Protein backbone atom coordinates (compact mmCIF):
# COMPACT_ATOMS: atom_id res chain seq x y z
CA UNK A 1 117.35 85.71 111.96
CA UNK A 2 113.72 84.73 112.04
CA UNK A 3 113.19 80.86 113.02
CA UNK A 4 110.42 78.50 112.20
CA UNK A 5 109.45 75.31 113.97
CA UNK A 6 108.77 72.43 111.71
CA UNK A 7 107.53 68.90 111.81
CA UNK A 8 109.06 66.43 109.79
CA UNK A 9 108.28 62.48 109.15
CA UNK A 10 111.16 60.44 108.77
CA UNK A 11 112.33 56.87 109.18
CA UNK A 12 112.89 56.56 112.89
CA UNK A 13 115.74 54.26 112.47
CA UNK A 14 117.37 56.68 110.06
CA UNK A 15 116.76 59.70 112.45
CA UNK A 16 118.20 57.88 115.38
CA UNK A 17 121.53 56.88 113.66
CA UNK A 18 121.64 60.36 112.38
CA UNK A 19 120.98 61.98 115.70
CA UNK A 20 123.83 59.66 117.10
CA UNK A 21 126.29 60.63 114.50
CA UNK A 22 125.47 64.43 115.20
CA UNK A 23 125.80 63.94 118.84
CA UNK A 24 129.35 62.21 118.49
CA UNK A 25 130.52 65.07 116.31
CA UNK A 26 128.99 67.78 118.48
CA UNK A 27 126.58 68.94 115.94
CA UNK A 28 122.97 69.93 116.03
CA UNK A 29 120.59 67.99 113.79
CA UNK A 30 118.23 70.89 113.04
CA UNK A 31 121.38 73.13 111.93
CA UNK A 32 122.58 70.13 109.72
CA UNK A 33 119.14 70.25 107.98
CA UNK A 34 119.58 74.05 107.25
CA UNK A 35 123.08 73.42 105.83
CA UNK A 36 121.46 70.71 103.59
CA UNK A 37 118.57 72.95 102.34
CA UNK A 38 120.89 75.90 101.82
CA UNK A 39 123.09 73.30 99.75
CA UNK A 40 120.19 72.21 97.75
CA UNK A 41 119.10 75.94 97.09
CA UNK A 42 122.69 76.80 95.87
CA UNK A 43 122.81 73.88 93.72
CA UNK A 44 119.66 74.75 92.11
CA UNK A 45 120.74 78.44 91.54
CA UNK A 46 123.74 77.02 89.83
CA UNK A 47 121.82 74.93 87.08
């Protein structure tokens, strides 16, 4: 699988809170972002 580095601008407080949530659950922020993108793509295909 090829990967791509990206830069995002997000609210820093939101990011810090989400990063902490991921850390507590043993999750990787970037993988969670991928899962959200995959979910959105699947949703759009279903419409």
